[in-house]
Amino acid sequence: MNINELKEMLYSVDRSYDDFVSLVVSFVKIPENSSKDILIRDYIVSHPRANSSDVLEYMISELGMANNPSNQELVIA
């Protein structure tokens, strides 16, 4: 999945907003997280009623967004 496809999918999530999309994109741009875009896509597809908070909760609890020191690089642009 390329970044533009990911952005399009993220903008389609209920209660999506620019900083949410930027955060998720920044997260998957970190080299250690580059393959996690597929996991995020699969979560969104499997949970069509998920909102942006649900996606962030998934990223924190299942993908280790808050626990990995390399994620300190996350910047909302």
Protein backbone atom coordinates (compact mmCIF):
# COMPACT_ATOMS: atom_id res chain seq x y z
CA MET A 1 0.00 0.00 0.00
CA ASN A 2 1.43 3.37 -0.88
CA ILE A 3 1.15 6.48 1.28
CA ASN A 4 -1.56 8.09 -0.83
CA GLU A 5 -3.76 4.99 -0.58
CA LEU A 6 -3.19 4.90 3.17
CA LYS A 7 -4.09 8.59 3.50
CA GLU A 8 -7.26 8.06 1.49
CA MET A 9 -8.26 5.17 3.71
CA LEU A 10 -7.49 7.14 6.88
CA TYR A 11 -9.54 10.12 5.72
CA SER A 12 -12.49 7.76 5.21
CA VAL A 13 -12.42 6.69 8.88
CA ASP A 14 -15.20 8.15 11.00
CA ARG A 15 -14.10 11.33 12.84
CA SER A 16 -10.89 11.50 10.83
CA TYR A 17 -8.91 14.73 10.98
CA ASP A 18 -5.66 16.03 9.49
CA ASP A 19 -3.49 15.44 12.57
CA PHE A 20 -4.76 11.86 12.89
CA VAL A 21 -3.79 11.12 9.29
CA SER A 22 -0.41 12.83 9.75
CA LEU A 23 0.32 10.86 12.91
CA VAL A 24 -0.49 7.49 11.33
CA VAL A 25 1.55 8.32 8.22
CA SER A 26 4.49 9.47 10.36
CA PHE A 27 4.23 6.23 12.34
CA VAL A 28 4.48 3.99 9.27
CA LYS A 29 7.31 6.08 7.79
CA ILE A 30 9.58 5.06 10.67
CA PRO A 31 11.70 2.22 9.23
CA GLU A 32 10.82 -0.27 12.00
CA ASN A 33 7.11 0.37 11.40
CA SER A 34 7.07 0.32 7.60
CA SER A 35 5.18 -2.98 7.38
CA LYS A 36 2.55 -1.92 9.91
CA ASP A 37 0.58 -0.01 7.30
CA ILE A 38 -0.90 -3.34 6.21
CA LEU A 39 -1.94 -4.13 9.78
CA ILE A 40 -3.61 -0.73 10.08
CA ARG A 41 -5.37 -1.25 6.75
CA ASP A 42 -6.55 -4.70 7.83
CA TYR A 43 -7.88 -3.27 11.10
CA ILE A 44 -9.84 -0.56 9.29
CA VAL A 45 -11.26 -3.04 6.77
CA SER A 46 -12.18 -5.51 9.53
CA HIS A 47 -13.76 -2.78 11.67
CA PRO A 48 -15.70 -0.57 9.25
CA ARG A 49 -17.39 1.29 12.10
CA ALA A 50 -14.11 2.13 13.84
CA ASN A 51 -13.46 5.81 14.33
CA SER A 52 -10.12 7.60 14.53
CA SER A 53 -9.90 7.01 18.30
CA ASP A 54 -10.42 3.28 17.78
CA VAL A 55 -7.62 3.18 15.20
CA LEU A 56 -5.27 5.05 17.55
CA GLU A 57 -6.17 2.71 20.41
CA TYR A 58 -5.37 -0.26 18.17
CA MET A 59 -2.04 1.28 17.25
CA ILE A 60 -1.17 1.86 20.90
CA SER A 61 -2.33 -1.48 22.28
CA GLU A 62 -1.47 -3.82 19.41
CA LEU A 63 1.27 -2.12 17.41
CA GLY A 64 3.23 -0.66 20.31
CA MET A 65 2.98 2.95 19.19
CA ALA A 66 3.50 4.30 22.71
CA ASN A 67 6.08 1.76 23.85
CA ASN A 68 8.73 1.94 21.16
CA PRO A 69 11.47 4.56 21.70
CA SER A 70 11.87 5.00 17.93
CA ASN A 71 8.33 6.37 17.85
CA GLN A 72 9.59 9.46 19.62
CA GLU A 73 10.38 10.61 16.09
CA LEU A 74 6.69 11.05 15.39
CA VAL A 75 6.02 14.54 14.21
CA ILE A 76 2.69 15.95 13.19
CA ALA A 77 3.43 18.09 10.19
